[in-house]
């Protein structure tokens, strides 16, 4: 069955800025028709320019050089095809799975990420994603340190048509999560999506807070949270990768939501993130409206970069 949120054209369109920059450079290299040292050097510059990252780029190009030598490849068009294969392999960390399984409801998804990354909007889009699958969704305003975060989540909840469990600003996030789980159970909700604070500048406190929320949830369900998704802003590039490193230290992540993919010409950061974190990208934000959200598919993403 075709999913509203599996739209190859949407991903391809969101990659327009990245593709224009990346493909223009790559096409000029391939047009030379000969694999030389100058070609390899140019390929490195092209990949780094797309924010694939220095370490990932060097590893990719080294692998391509070994393959080209072993297979006696001298045609730049063939190298381009090999590059596409290697990029695809980087993204295929694990097979995409539907997060809501046959586990006992509610299925708990913890959302983490720095303020300004598009976290609240992504929660709303995720709620709509599950509603489209006829799941009953409940949102949790556990970012209690910012009154604006609670208000924003309530507004998005109204737009999407899902209830939001919230306490007063400054309340204990763990207490909010506990009450929300109880409410979800009483209302027979399928999915509980928990917003959290994103204050990397107080990393120790953030870590303790996330641990406490998880610990409180586990009083109700020892397997909760079933998913912990990190929201990353694609526009921030390598800075976003640094954020991801810090969050991975703070909490056991299960996947990523990449936002604002349409706003950057350096979508190659996806490959650097996938290689270093070894985490699957679950969803991508491709614009500002609720419809601008798609399940991530590695094949569609790489195709969209080259076509």
C-alpha atoms as a PDB file:
ATOM      1  CA  UNK A   1       0.000   0.000   0.000  1.00  0.00           C
ATOM      2  CA  UNK A   2       1.347   3.416  -0.951  1.00  0.00           C
ATOM      3  CA  UNK A   3       2.088   5.522   2.105  1.00  0.00           C
ATOM      4  CA  UNK A   4       1.337   9.222   2.285  1.00  0.00           C
ATOM      5  CA  UNK A   5       4.779   9.616   3.828  1.00  0.00           C
ATOM      6  CA  UNK A   6       6.779   7.591   1.286  1.00  0.00           C
ATOM      7  CA  UNK A   7       7.118  10.136  -1.519  1.00  0.00           C
ATOM      8  CA  UNK A   8      10.281   9.850  -3.621  1.00  0.00           C
ATOM      9  CA  UNK A   9       9.475  13.066  -5.503  1.00  0.00           C
ATOM     10  CA  UNK A  10       9.292  15.009  -2.241  1.00  0.00           C
ATOM     11  CA  UNK A  11      12.736  13.823  -1.172  1.00  0.00           C
ATOM     12  CA  UNK A  12      14.132  14.537  -4.622  1.00  0.00           C
ATOM     13  CA  UNK A  13      12.692  18.073  -4.572  1.00  0.00           C
ATOM     14  CA  UNK A  14      14.098  18.737  -1.098  1.00  0.00           C
ATOM     15  CA  UNK A  15      17.563  17.841  -2.412  1.00  0.00           C
ATOM     16  CA  UNK A  16      17.446  20.461  -5.191  1.00  0.00           C
ATOM     17  CA  UNK A  17      20.040  22.787  -3.598  1.00  0.00           C
ATOM     18  CA  UNK A  18      22.404  19.951  -2.714  1.00  0.00           C
ATOM     19  CA  UNK A  19      21.992  18.206  -6.059  1.00  0.00           C
ATOM     20  CA  UNK A  20      22.573  21.408  -8.050  1.00  0.00           C
ATOM     21  CA  UNK A  21      25.872  22.059  -6.302  1.00  0.00           C
ATOM     22  CA  UNK A  22      27.071  18.461  -6.046  1.00  0.00           C
ATOM     23  CA  UNK A  23      26.049  17.269  -9.493  1.00  0.00           C
ATOM     24  CA  UNK A  24      27.443  20.324 -11.262  1.00  0.00           C
ATOM     25  CA  UNK A  25      30.909  19.619  -9.853  1.00  0.00           C
ATOM     26  CA  UNK A  26      30.656  15.877 -10.362  1.00  0.00           C
ATOM     27  CA  UNK A  27      29.452  16.197 -13.962  1.00  0.00           C
ATOM     28  CA  UNK A  28      32.409  18.390 -14.871  1.00  0.00           C
ATOM     29  CA  UNK A  29      34.769  15.787 -13.419  1.00  0.00           C
ATOM     30  CA  UNK A  30      33.114  12.856 -15.182  1.00  0.00           C
ATOM     31  CA  UNK A  31      33.132  14.778 -18.466  1.00  0.00           C
ATOM     32  CA  UNK A  32      36.926  14.483 -18.566  1.00  0.00           C
ATOM     33  CA  UNK A  33      36.449  10.755 -19.258  1.00  0.00           C
ATOM     34  CA  UNK A  34      39.726   9.710 -17.678  1.00  0.00           C
ATOM     35  CA  UNK A  35      40.524   8.557 -14.170  1.00  0.00           C
ATOM     36  CA  UNK A  36      43.630  10.476 -13.130  1.00  0.00           C
ATOM     37  CA  UNK A  37      45.096  11.877  -9.923  1.00  0.00           C
ATOM     38  CA  UNK A  38      43.415  15.147 -10.800  1.00  0.00           C
ATOM     39  CA  UNK A  39      40.087  13.321 -11.016  1.00  0.00           C
ATOM     40  CA  UNK A  40      40.492  11.759  -7.555  1.00  0.00           C
ATOM     41  CA  UNK A  41      41.513  15.087  -6.073  1.00  0.00           C
ATOM     42  CA  UNK A  42      38.513  16.775  -7.658  1.00  0.00           C
ATOM     43  CA  UNK A  43      36.204  14.056  -6.344  1.00  0.00           C
ATOM     44  CA  UNK A  44      37.482  14.637  -2.817  1.00  0.00           C
ATOM     45  CA  UNK A  45      36.823  18.371  -3.140  1.00  0.00           C
ATOM     46  CA  UNK A  46      33.332  17.715  -4.493  1.00  0.00           C
ATOM     47  CA  UNK A  47      32.381  15.430  -1.617  1.00  0.00           C
ATOM     48  CA  UNK A  48      33.835  17.723   1.037  1.00  0.00           C
ATOM     49  CA  UNK A  49      32.022  20.640  -0.594  1.00  0.00           C
ATOM     50  CA  UNK A  50      28.745  18.759  -0.134  1.00  0.00           C
ATOM     51  CA  UNK A  51      29.586  18.390   3.598  1.00  0.00           C
ATOM     52  CA  UNK A  52      30.164  14.659   3.420  1.00  0.00           C
ATOM     53  CA  UNK A  53      33.014  15.333   5.850  1.00  0.00           C
ATOM     54  CA  UNK A  54      36.777  14.932   5.518  1.00  0.00           C
ATOM     55  CA  UNK A  55      37.081  11.549   7.230  1.00  0.00           C
ATOM     56  CA  UNK A  56      34.125  10.020   5.382  1.00  0.00           C
ATOM     57  CA  UNK A  57      35.323  11.486   2.073  1.00  0.00           C
ATOM     58  CA  UNK A  58      38.845  10.109   2.418  1.00  0.00           C
ATOM     59  CA  UNK A  59      37.499   6.661   3.289  1.00  0.00           C
ATOM     60  CA  UNK A  60      35.082   6.738   0.344  1.00  0.00           C
ATOM     61  CA  UNK A  61      37.673   7.854  -2.194  1.00  0.00           C
ATOM     62  CA  UNK A  62      40.251   5.356  -0.906  1.00  0.00           C
ATOM     63  CA  UNK A  63      37.712   2.556  -1.285  1.00  0.00           C
ATOM     64  CA  UNK A  64      36.838   3.713  -4.798  1.00  0.00           C
ATOM     65  CA  UNK A  65      40.488   3.874  -5.800  1.00  0.00           C
ATOM     66  CA  UNK A  66      41.064   0.307  -4.602  1.00  0.00           C
ATOM     67  CA  UNK A  67      37.966  -0.900  -6.466  1.00  0.00           C
ATOM     68  CA  UNK A  68      38.909   0.984  -9.628  1.00  0.00           C
ATOM     69  CA  UNK A  69      42.416  -0.465  -9.561  1.00  0.00           C
ATOM     70  CA  UNK A  70      41.206  -3.991  -8.841  1.00  0.00           C
ATOM     71  CA  UNK A  71      38.525  -3.870 -11.543  1.00  0.00           C
ATOM     72  CA  UNK A  72      40.812  -1.962 -13.966  1.00  0.00           C
ATOM     73  CA  UNK A  73      38.318   0.861 -14.245  1.00  0.00           C
ATOM     74  CA  UNK A  74      39.492   3.860 -16.255  1.00  0.00           C
ATOM     75  CA  UNK A  75      36.093   5.243 -17.196  1.00  0.00           C
ATOM     76  CA  UNK A  76      34.889   8.141 -15.016  1.00  0.00           C
ATOM     77  CA  UNK A  77      31.249   7.231 -15.682  1.00  0.00           C
ATOM     78  CA  UNK A  78      31.846   3.826 -14.112  1.00  0.00           C
ATOM     79  CA  UNK A  79      33.502   5.466 -11.099  1.00  0.00           C
ATOM     80  CA  UNK A  80      30.420   7.654 -10.690  1.00  0.00           C
ATOM     81  CA  UNK A  81      28.256   4.515 -10.616  1.00  0.00           C
ATOM     82  CA  UNK A  82      30.601   2.972  -8.044  1.00  0.00           C
ATOM     83  CA  UNK A  83      30.378   6.137  -5.933  1.00  0.00           C
ATOM     84  CA  UNK A  84      26.603   5.856  -5.933  1.00  0.00           C
ATOM     85  CA  UNK A  85      26.872   2.241  -4.747  1.00  0.00           C
ATOM     86  CA  UNK A  86      29.245   3.164  -1.920  1.00  0.00           C
ATOM     87  CA  UNK A  87      27.095   6.097  -0.771  1.00  0.00           C
ATOM     88  CA  UNK A  88      24.070   3.837  -0.696  1.00  0.00           C
ATOM     89  CA  UNK A  89      25.959   1.263   1.375  1.00  0.00           C
ATOM     90  CA  UNK A  90      26.793   3.969   3.931  1.00  0.00           C
ATOM     91  CA  UNK A  91      23.117   4.726   4.499  1.00  0.00           C
ATOM     92  CA  UNK A  92      21.913   1.152   4.723  1.00  0.00           C
ATOM     93  CA  UNK A  93      22.680   0.777   8.389  1.00  0.00           C
ATOM     94  CA  UNK A  94      19.550  -1.163   9.186  1.00  0.00           C
ATOM     95  CA  UNK A  95      16.363  -2.043   7.371  1.00  0.00           C
ATOM     96  CA  UNK A  96      13.587   0.530   7.954  1.00  0.00           C
ATOM     97  CA  UNK A  97      11.078  -0.805  10.437  1.00  0.00           C
ATOM     98  CA  UNK A  98       7.699   0.454  11.525  1.00  0.00           C
ATOM     99  CA  UNK A  99       8.293   1.784  15.065  1.00  0.00           C
ATOM    100  CA  UNK A 100       4.917   0.713  16.468  1.00  0.00           C
ATOM    101  CA  UNK A 101       5.088  -3.033  16.864  1.00  0.00           C
ATOM    102  CA  UNK A 102       3.054  -5.597  18.739  1.00  0.00           C
ATOM    103  CA  UNK A 103       4.466  -4.441  22.058  1.00  0.00           C
ATOM    104  CA  UNK A 104       2.024  -3.485  24.758  1.00  0.00           C
ATOM    105  CA  UNK A 105       0.593   0.004  24.212  1.00  0.00           C
ATOM    106  CA  UNK A 106       1.425   2.764  24.598  1.00  0.00           C
ATOM    107  CA  UNK A 107       4.507   2.743  22.400  1.00  0.00           C
ATOM    108  CA  UNK A 108       6.778   5.442  23.852  1.00  0.00           C
ATOM    109  CA  UNK A 109       8.960   7.625  21.626  1.00  0.00           C
ATOM    110  CA  UNK A 110      11.370  10.033  23.326  1.00  0.00           C
ATOM    111  CA  UNK A 111      12.336  13.008  21.141  1.00  0.00           C
ATOM    112  CA  UNK A 112      15.626  14.783  21.846  1.00  0.00           C
ATOM    113  CA  UNK A 113      17.479  17.620  20.126  1.00  0.00           C
ATOM    114  CA  UNK A 114      18.736  21.162  20.666  1.00  0.00           C
ATOM    115  CA  UNK A 115      16.360  24.095  20.717  1.00  0.00           C
ATOM    116  CA  UNK A 116      15.851  25.476  17.214  1.00  0.00           C
ATOM    117  CA  UNK A 117      16.511  22.180  15.437  1.00  0.00           C
ATOM    118  CA  UNK A 118      12.858  21.786  14.467  1.00  0.00           C
ATOM    119  CA  UNK A 119      12.110  19.406  17.326  1.00  0.00           C
ATOM    120  CA  UNK A 120       8.581  20.608  18.140  1.00  0.00           C
ATOM    121  CA  UNK A 121       7.540  20.749  14.490  1.00  0.00           C
ATOM    122  CA  UNK A 122       8.942  17.253  13.947  1.00  0.00           C
ATOM    123  CA  UNK A 123       6.881  15.968  16.882  1.00  0.00           C
ATOM    124  CA  UNK A 124       3.746  17.392  15.269  1.00  0.00           C
ATOM    125  CA  UNK A 125       4.637  15.804  11.928  1.00  0.00           C
ATOM    126  CA  UNK A 126       5.362  12.489  13.626  1.00  0.00           C
ATOM    127  CA  UNK A 127       2.007  12.641  15.412  1.00  0.00           C
ATOM    128  CA  UNK A 128       0.282  13.225  12.085  1.00  0.00           C
ATOM    129  CA  UNK A 129       2.263  10.346  10.562  1.00  0.00           C
ATOM    130  CA  UNK A 130       0.849   7.939  13.139  1.00  0.00           C
ATOM    131  CA  UNK A 131      -2.641   9.413  12.984  1.00  0.00           C
ATOM    132  CA  UNK A 132      -2.605   8.682   9.255  1.00  0.00           C
ATOM    133  CA  UNK A 133      -2.069   5.033  10.245  1.00  0.00           C
ATOM    134  CA  UNK A 134      -5.169   5.184  12.483  1.00  0.00           C
ATOM    135  CA  UNK A 135      -3.088   5.248  15.657  1.00  0.00           C
ATOM    136  CA  UNK A 136      -4.253   7.149  18.718  1.00  0.00           C
ATOM    137  CA  UNK A 137      -1.475   9.551  19.680  1.00  0.00           C
ATOM    138  CA  UNK A 138      -0.765  11.500  22.860  1.00  0.00           C
ATOM    139  CA  UNK A 139       1.925  14.201  23.141  1.00  0.00           C
ATOM    140  CA  UNK A 140       3.914  14.987  26.286  1.00  0.00           C
ATOM    141  CA  UNK A 141       5.284  18.464  27.083  1.00  0.00           C
ATOM    142  CA  UNK A 142       8.279  17.332  29.155  1.00  0.00           C
ATOM    143  CA  UNK A 143      10.394  20.356  28.131  1.00  0.00           C
ATOM    144  CA  UNK A 144       9.171  22.222  31.214  1.00  0.00           C
ATOM    145  CA  UNK A 145      12.055  24.686  31.405  1.00  0.00           C
ATOM    146  CA  UNK A 146      10.654  26.825  28.601  1.00  0.00           C
ATOM    147  CA  UNK A 147       7.065  27.999  28.857  1.00  0.00           C
ATOM    148  CA  UNK A 148       7.198  28.667  25.106  1.00  0.00           C
ATOM    149  CA  UNK A 149       7.977  24.987  24.446  1.00  0.00           C
ATOM    150  CA  UNK A 150       4.830  23.911  26.287  1.00  0.00           C
ATOM    151  CA  UNK A 151       2.696  26.499  24.473  1.00  0.00           C
ATOM    152  CA  UNK A 152       4.152  25.553  21.076  1.00  0.00           C
ATOM    153  CA  UNK A 153       3.418  21.877  21.616  1.00  0.00           C
ATOM    154  CA  UNK A 154      -0.160  22.657  22.641  1.00  0.00           C
ATOM    155  CA  UNK A 155      -0.668  24.735  19.481  1.00  0.00           C
ATOM    156  CA  UNK A 156       0.704  21.959  17.280  1.00  0.00           C
ATOM    157  CA  UNK A 157      -1.425  19.428  19.145  1.00  0.00           C
ATOM    158  CA  UNK A 158      -4.532  21.439  18.270  1.00  0.00           C
ATOM    159  CA  UNK A 159      -3.495  21.659  14.626  1.00  0.00           C
ATOM    160  CA  UNK A 160      -2.863  17.946  14.329  1.00  0.00           C
ATOM    161  CA  UNK A 161      -5.846  17.009  16.452  1.00  0.00           C
ATOM    162  CA  UNK A 162      -4.086  15.173  19.284  1.00  0.00           C
ATOM    163  CA  UNK A 163      -4.162  15.755  23.035  1.00  0.00           C
ATOM    164  CA  UNK A 164      -1.167  17.144  24.924  1.00  0.00           C
ATOM    165  CA  UNK A 165      -0.336  16.280  28.523  1.00  0.00           C
ATOM    166  CA  UNK A 166       1.346  19.252  30.200  1.00  0.00           C
ATOM    167  CA  UNK A 167       2.076  20.646  33.661  1.00  0.00           C
ATOM    168  CA  UNK A 168       3.040  24.182  34.637  1.00  0.00           C
ATOM    169  CA  UNK A 169       6.401  25.622  33.467  1.00  0.00           C
ATOM    170  CA  UNK A 170       9.189  24.497  35.794  1.00  0.00           C
ATOM    171  CA  UNK A 171       7.473  21.246  36.732  1.00  0.00           C
ATOM    172  CA  UNK A 172       9.442  18.031  37.078  1.00  0.00           C
ATOM    173  CA  UNK A 173       9.760  16.514  33.563  1.00  0.00           C
ATOM    174  CA  UNK A 174       9.714  13.018  35.055  1.00  0.00           C
ATOM    175  CA  UNK A 175       6.401  13.702  36.764  1.00  0.00           C
ATOM    176  CA  UNK A 176       4.929  14.942  33.485  1.00  0.00           C
ATOM    177  CA  UNK A 177       6.105  11.785  31.712  1.00  0.00           C
ATOM    178  CA  UNK A 178       4.675   9.565  34.467  1.00  0.00           C
ATOM    179  CA  UNK A 179       1.263  11.246  34.349  1.00  0.00           C
ATOM    180  CA  UNK A 180       1.269  11.149  30.551  1.00  0.00           C
ATOM    181  CA  UNK A 181       1.910   7.399  30.486  1.00  0.00           C
ATOM    182  CA  UNK A 182      -0.952   6.845  32.914  1.00  0.00           C
ATOM    183  CA  UNK A 183      -3.213   9.033  30.764  1.00  0.00           C
ATOM    184  CA  UNK A 184      -2.150   7.175  27.607  1.00  0.00           C
ATOM    185  CA  UNK A 185      -2.976   3.844  29.226  1.00  0.00           C
ATOM    186  CA  UNK A 186      -6.356   5.077  30.468  1.00  0.00           C
ATOM    187  CA  UNK A 187      -7.252   6.509  27.049  1.00  0.00           C
ATOM    188  CA  UNK A 188      -6.004   3.410  25.177  1.00  0.00           C
ATOM    189  CA  UNK A 189      -3.474   5.468  23.217  1.00  0.00           C
ATOM    190  CA  UNK A 190      -1.234   3.585  20.814  1.00  0.00           C
ATOM    191  CA  UNK A 191       1.645   6.033  20.832  1.00  0.00           C
ATOM    192  CA  UNK A 192       3.110   8.432  23.394  1.00  0.00           C
ATOM    193  CA  UNK A 193       5.523  11.022  21.962  1.00  0.00           C
ATOM    194  CA  UNK A 194       7.608  12.824  24.595  1.00  0.00           C
ATOM    195  CA  UNK A 195       9.200  16.235  24.014  1.00  0.00           C
ATOM    196  CA  UNK A 196      12.338  16.948  26.069  1.00  0.00           C
ATOM    197  CA  UNK A 197      14.579  19.911  26.810  1.00  0.00           C
ATOM    198  CA  UNK A 198      17.505  20.613  24.500  1.00  0.00           C
ATOM    199  CA  UNK A 199      20.145  22.426  26.493  1.00  0.00           C
ATOM    200  CA  UNK A 200      23.519  21.096  25.399  1.00  0.00           C
ATOM    201  CA  UNK A 201      25.333  23.811  27.309  1.00  0.00           C
ATOM    202  CA  UNK A 202      24.372  21.956  30.509  1.00  0.00           C
ATOM    203  CA  UNK A 203      25.252  18.507  29.241  1.00  0.00           C
ATOM    204  CA  UNK A 204      25.490  16.854  32.670  1.00  0.00           C
ATOM    205  CA  UNK A 205      22.063  18.123  33.735  1.00  0.00           C
ATOM    206  CA  UNK A 206      20.599  17.165  30.366  1.00  0.00           C
ATOM    207  CA  UNK A 207      21.948  13.645  30.702  1.00  0.00           C
ATOM    208  CA  UNK A 208      20.537  13.285  34.207  1.00  0.00           C
ATOM    209  CA  UNK A 209      17.175  14.660  33.097  1.00  0.00           C
ATOM    210  CA  UNK A 210      16.879  12.234  30.166  1.00  0.00           C
ATOM    211  CA  UNK A 211      17.923   9.352  32.414  1.00  0.00           C
ATOM    212  CA  UNK A 212      15.278  10.357  34.952  1.00  0.00           C
ATOM    213  CA  UNK A 213      12.508  10.542  32.325  1.00  0.00           C
ATOM    214  CA  UNK A 214      13.466   7.085  31.070  1.00  0.00           C
ATOM    215  CA  UNK A 215      13.624   5.721  34.621  1.00  0.00           C
ATOM    216  CA  UNK A 216      10.176   7.104  35.476  1.00  0.00           C
ATOM    217  CA  UNK A 217       8.669   5.675  32.281  1.00  0.00           C
ATOM    218  CA  UNK A 218      10.180   2.289  33.112  1.00  0.00           C
ATOM    219  CA  UNK A 219       8.179   2.185  36.343  1.00  0.00           C
ATOM    220  CA  UNK A 220       5.146   1.731  34.104  1.00  0.00           C
ATOM    221  CA  UNK A 221       6.796  -0.209  31.291  1.00  0.00           C
ATOM    222  CA  UNK A 222      10.301  -1.703  31.738  1.00  0.00           C
ATOM    223  CA  UNK A 223      10.872  -1.485  27.966  1.00  0.00           C
ATOM    224  CA  UNK A 224      10.137   2.259  27.681  1.00  0.00           C
ATOM    225  CA  UNK A 225      11.129   4.370  25.891  1.00  0.00           C
ATOM    226  CA  UNK A 226      10.865   2.057  22.903  1.00  0.00           C
ATOM    227  CA  UNK A 227      12.463   4.629  20.606  1.00  0.00           C
ATOM    228  CA  UNK A 228      14.710   7.630  21.271  1.00  0.00           C
ATOM    229  CA  UNK A 229      14.938   9.790  18.161  1.00  0.00           C
ATOM    230  CA  UNK A 230      17.378  12.668  17.772  1.00  0.00           C
ATOM    231  CA  UNK A 231      16.209  15.658  15.717  1.00  0.00           C
ATOM    232  CA  UNK A 232      19.038  17.256  13.707  1.00  0.00           C
ATOM    233  CA  UNK A 233      18.947  20.397  11.571  1.00  0.00           C
ATOM    234  CA  UNK A 234      20.567  19.596   8.197  1.00  0.00           C
ATOM    235  CA  UNK A 235      21.463  23.265   7.695  1.00  0.00           C
ATOM    236  CA  UNK A 236      23.899  23.179  10.637  1.00  0.00           C
ATOM    237  CA  UNK A 237      26.083  20.630   8.824  1.00  0.00           C
ATOM    238  CA  UNK A 238      29.147  19.542  10.785  1.00  0.00           C
ATOM    239  CA  UNK A 239      27.896  21.427  13.874  1.00  0.00           C
ATOM    240  CA  UNK A 240      24.868  19.150  13.792  1.00  0.00           C
ATOM    241  CA  UNK A 241      27.195  16.157  13.783  1.00  0.00           C
ATOM    242  CA  UNK A 242      28.878  17.480  16.920  1.00  0.00           C
ATOM    243  CA  UNK A 243      25.462  17.858  18.570  1.00  0.00           C
ATOM    244  CA  UNK A 244      24.666  14.271  17.628  1.00  0.00           C
ATOM    245  CA  UNK A 245      27.875  13.058  19.282  1.00  0.00           C
ATOM    246  CA  UNK A 246      26.930  14.773  22.538  1.00  0.00           C
ATOM    247  CA  UNK A 247      23.387  13.428  22.570  1.00  0.00           C
ATOM    248  CA  UNK A 248      24.611   9.931  21.821  1.00  0.00           C
ATOM    249  CA  UNK A 249      26.760  10.169  24.944  1.00  0.00           C
ATOM    250  CA  UNK A 250      23.745  11.356  26.957  1.00  0.00           C
ATOM    251  CA  UNK A 251      21.155   8.796  25.894  1.00  0.00           C
ATOM    252  CA  UNK A 252      20.870   5.542  23.907  1.00  0.00           C
ATOM    253  CA  UNK A 253      19.567   6.748  20.548  1.00  0.00           C
ATOM    254  CA  UNK A 254      17.676   4.471  18.163  1.00  0.00           C
ATOM    255  CA  UNK A 255      17.420   6.751  15.133  1.00  0.00           C
ATOM    256  CA  UNK A 256      17.408  10.232  13.652  1.00  0.00           C
ATOM    257  CA  UNK A 257      14.975  12.764  12.233  1.00  0.00           C
ATOM    258  CA  UNK A 258      16.729  15.124   9.829  1.00  0.00           C
ATOM    259  CA  UNK A 259      14.993  18.494   9.420  1.00  0.00           C
ATOM    260  CA  UNK A 260      15.255  21.380   6.938  1.00  0.00           C
ATOM    261  CA  UNK A 261      16.790  19.213   4.213  1.00  0.00           C
ATOM    262  CA  UNK A 262      15.302  21.594   1.645  1.00  0.00           C
ATOM    263  CA  UNK A 263      17.164  24.546   3.149  1.00  0.00           C
ATOM    264  CA  UNK A 264      20.726  23.388   2.598  1.00  0.00           C
ATOM    265  CA  UNK A 265      23.089  22.836  -0.337  1.00  0.00           C
ATOM    266  CA  UNK A 266      25.130  20.480   1.842  1.00  0.00           C
ATOM    267  CA  UNK A 267      22.860  17.468   2.243  1.00  0.00           C
ATOM    268  CA  UNK A 268      25.963  15.287   2.147  1.00  0.00           C
ATOM    269  CA  UNK A 269      26.044  15.649   5.927  1.00  0.00           C
ATOM    270  CA  UNK A 270      23.629  12.696   5.907  1.00  0.00           C
ATOM    271  CA  UNK A 271      26.493  10.384   4.939  1.00  0.00           C
ATOM    272  CA  UNK A 272      28.855  11.715   7.616  1.00  0.00           C
ATOM    273  CA  UNK A 273      26.150  11.315  10.257  1.00  0.00           C
ATOM    274  CA  UNK A 274      25.288   7.786   9.166  1.00  0.00           C
ATOM    275  CA  UNK A 275      28.921   6.676   9.066  1.00  0.00           C
ATOM    276  CA  UNK A 276      29.937   8.083  12.438  1.00  0.00           C
ATOM    277  CA  UNK A 277      26.815   7.439  14.495  1.00  0.00           C
ATOM    278  CA  UNK A 278      25.809   4.128  12.888  1.00  0.00           C
ATOM    279  CA  UNK A 279      22.174   5.056  13.430  1.00  0.00           C
ATOM    280  CA  UNK A 280      19.346   4.802  10.904  1.00  0.00           C
ATOM    281  CA  UNK A 281      17.745   8.004   9.636  1.00  0.00           C
ATOM    282  CA  UNK A 282      14.033   7.353  10.166  1.00  0.00           C
ATOM    283  CA  UNK A 283      12.433  10.533   8.778  1.00  0.00           C
ATOM    284  CA  UNK A 284      13.356  13.718   6.942  1.00  0.00           C
ATOM    285  CA  UNK A 285      11.699  17.109   7.130  1.00  0.00           C
ATOM    286  CA  UNK A 286      11.416  18.516   3.620  1.00  0.00           C
ATOM    287  CA  UNK A 287       9.633  21.822   4.259  1.00  0.00           C
ATOM    288  CA  UNK A 288       7.594  23.846   6.746  1.00  0.00           C
ATOM    289  CA  UNK A 289       4.088  22.377   6.442  1.00  0.00           C
ATOM    290  CA  UNK A 290       2.791  19.244   8.151  1.00  0.00           C
ATOM    291  CA  UNK A 291       2.860  17.445   4.803  1.00  0.00           C
ATOM    292  CA  UNK A 292       6.573  18.137   4.347  1.00  0.00           C
ATOM    293  CA  UNK A 293       7.712  15.005   6.136  1.00  0.00           C
ATOM    294  CA  UNK A 294       8.797  11.706   4.633  1.00  0.00           C
ATOM    295  CA  UNK A 295      10.008   8.305   5.675  1.00  0.00           C
ATOM    296  CA  UNK A 296      13.689   8.126   4.854  1.00  0.00           C
ATOM    297  CA  UNK A 297      14.645   5.668   2.148  1.00  0.00           C
ATOM    298  CA  UNK A 298      18.347   5.311   1.337  1.00  0.00           C
ATOM    299  CA  UNK A 299      17.755   4.367  -2.313  1.00  0.00           C
ATOM    300  CA  UNK A 300      15.397   7.292  -2.884  1.00  0.00           C
ATOM    301  CA  UNK A 301      17.815   9.691  -1.212  1.00  0.00           C
ATOM    302  CA  UNK A 302      20.841   8.620  -3.275  1.00  0.00           C
ATOM    303  CA  UNK A 303      18.793   8.546  -6.467  1.00  0.00           C
ATOM    304  CA  UNK A 304      17.575  12.057  -5.661  1.00  0.00           C
ATOM    305  CA  UNK A 305      21.152  13.230  -5.284  1.00  0.00           C
ATOM    306  CA  UNK A 306      22.256  11.953  -8.694  1.00  0.00           C
ATOM    307  CA  UNK A 307      19.163  12.405 -10.863  1.00  0.00           C
END
